[in-house]
Protein backbone atom coordinates (compact mmCIF):
# COMPACT_ATOMS: atom_id res chain seq x y z
CA MET A 1 -10.36 37.05 36.85
CA ARG A 2 -7.76 35.46 38.97
CA THR A 3 -4.79 33.21 38.43
CA THR A 4 -5.64 29.74 37.15
CA THR A 5 -4.49 26.87 39.32
CA LYS A 6 -1.67 24.40 38.90
CA LYS A 7 -3.63 21.80 40.84
CA LYS A 8 -5.90 19.08 39.46
CA GLY A 9 -4.13 17.75 36.45
CA ARG A 10 -1.02 17.76 34.38
CA LEU A 11 -0.29 19.98 31.39
CA GLY A 12 -3.01 18.60 29.10
CA ASN A 13 -5.74 19.25 31.66
CA GLN A 14 -4.29 22.68 32.42
CA ILE A 15 -4.43 23.56 28.72
CA ILE A 16 -8.09 22.54 28.45
CA ARG A 17 -9.10 24.43 31.59
CA ASN A 18 -7.09 27.51 30.57
CA LEU A 19 -8.68 27.50 27.11
CA ALA A 20 -12.15 27.40 28.68
CA VAL A 21 -11.24 30.40 30.85
CA SER A 22 -9.60 32.17 27.89
CA LEU A 23 -12.83 32.00 25.86
CA ILE A 24 -14.75 33.84 28.57
CA ALA A 25 -11.89 36.27 29.19
CA LYS A 26 -11.80 37.18 25.51
CA LYS A 27 -15.55 37.72 25.27
CA TYR A 28 -15.62 40.04 28.31
CA ASN A 29 -12.05 41.46 28.15
CA LEU A 30 -11.19 40.05 31.59
CA LYS A 31 -7.67 40.05 32.98
CA VAL A 32 -6.35 36.56 33.74
CA ASN A 33 -3.03 35.26 35.00
CA TYR A 34 -2.60 31.74 33.63
CA TYR A 35 -0.54 29.05 35.27
CA ASN A 36 2.01 27.69 32.75
CA LYS A 37 1.13 30.43 30.24
CA LYS A 38 4.65 30.67 28.80
CA LEU A 39 4.85 26.92 28.18
CA ILE A 40 1.35 26.83 26.65
CA ASN A 41 2.18 29.82 24.42
CA ASN A 42 5.35 28.02 23.27
CA LEU A 43 3.07 25.21 22.08
CA GLY A 44 1.31 27.73 19.82
CA ILE A 45 -1.77 28.17 22.02
CA ASN A 46 -2.41 31.83 22.79
CA LEU A 47 -4.40 32.46 25.96
CA PHE A 48 -6.29 35.75 26.17
CA SER A 49 -5.90 38.21 29.03
CA GLY A 50 -7.76 41.49 28.82
CA ARG A 51 -7.88 44.64 30.87
CA LYS A 52 -11.00 44.45 33.03
CA ASN A 53 -10.53 43.60 36.68
CA TYR A 54 -13.36 44.19 39.15
CA LYS A 55 -12.03 44.94 42.62
CA LYS A 56 -14.89 43.75 44.81
CA LYS A 57 -17.11 41.37 42.88
CA THR A 58 -16.09 37.77 42.19
CA LYS A 59 -18.17 34.75 41.22
CA ASN A 60 -17.07 31.13 41.04
CA LEU A 61 -16.89 29.54 37.59
CA ASN A 62 -18.09 25.93 37.46
CA ASP A 63 -19.86 23.31 35.32
CA LYS A 64 -23.30 24.57 36.23
CA ASN A 65 -22.76 28.21 35.31
CA TYR A 66 -20.09 28.12 32.58
CA PHE A 67 -22.44 28.39 29.58
CA THR A 68 -24.80 30.78 31.38
CA ILE A 69 -21.88 33.13 32.01
CA TYR A 70 -20.50 32.66 28.50
CA ASN A 71 -23.89 33.40 26.89
CA CYS A 72 -24.84 36.46 28.98
CA ASN A 73 -24.66 39.89 27.35
CA ASN A 74 -22.53 41.68 29.96
CA LEU A 75 -20.31 40.66 32.85
CA TYR A 76 -19.66 42.97 35.78
CA TYR A 77 -17.57 40.78 38.08
CA ASN A 78 -14.39 38.70 38.17
CA LEU A 79 -14.54 34.96 37.83
CA ASP A 80 -12.73 32.51 40.07
CA PRO A 81 -11.91 29.45 37.95
CA ASN A 82 -10.20 27.59 40.80
CA LYS A 83 -13.10 26.81 43.11
CA ARG A 84 -14.90 24.75 40.53
CA ASN A 85 -15.58 21.10 40.11
CA TYR A 86 -15.12 20.80 36.34
CA LYS A 87 -15.79 17.14 35.76
CA LEU A 88 -16.09 18.02 32.09
CA PHE A 89 -12.60 19.53 31.90
CA ILE A 90 -10.61 17.41 34.38
């Protein structure tokens, strides 16, 4: 995974988007760098960052594929959570 963005929303929206990314990261043990992680952790919300980082394969994470990716059995690529149009989470 990549670093989550600071764009598109204030802290509340960032928390919701980061939690959505954290759920997938935890399921597939993906490495994520979260924007505002320290502040969010201080609020008692622990965001997961794993160990897996795929060097060449990356797929965009968006409204249309979020649940498909979450419900698949295995994941063999990084996810880019910044090139999405999450109307649900913004």
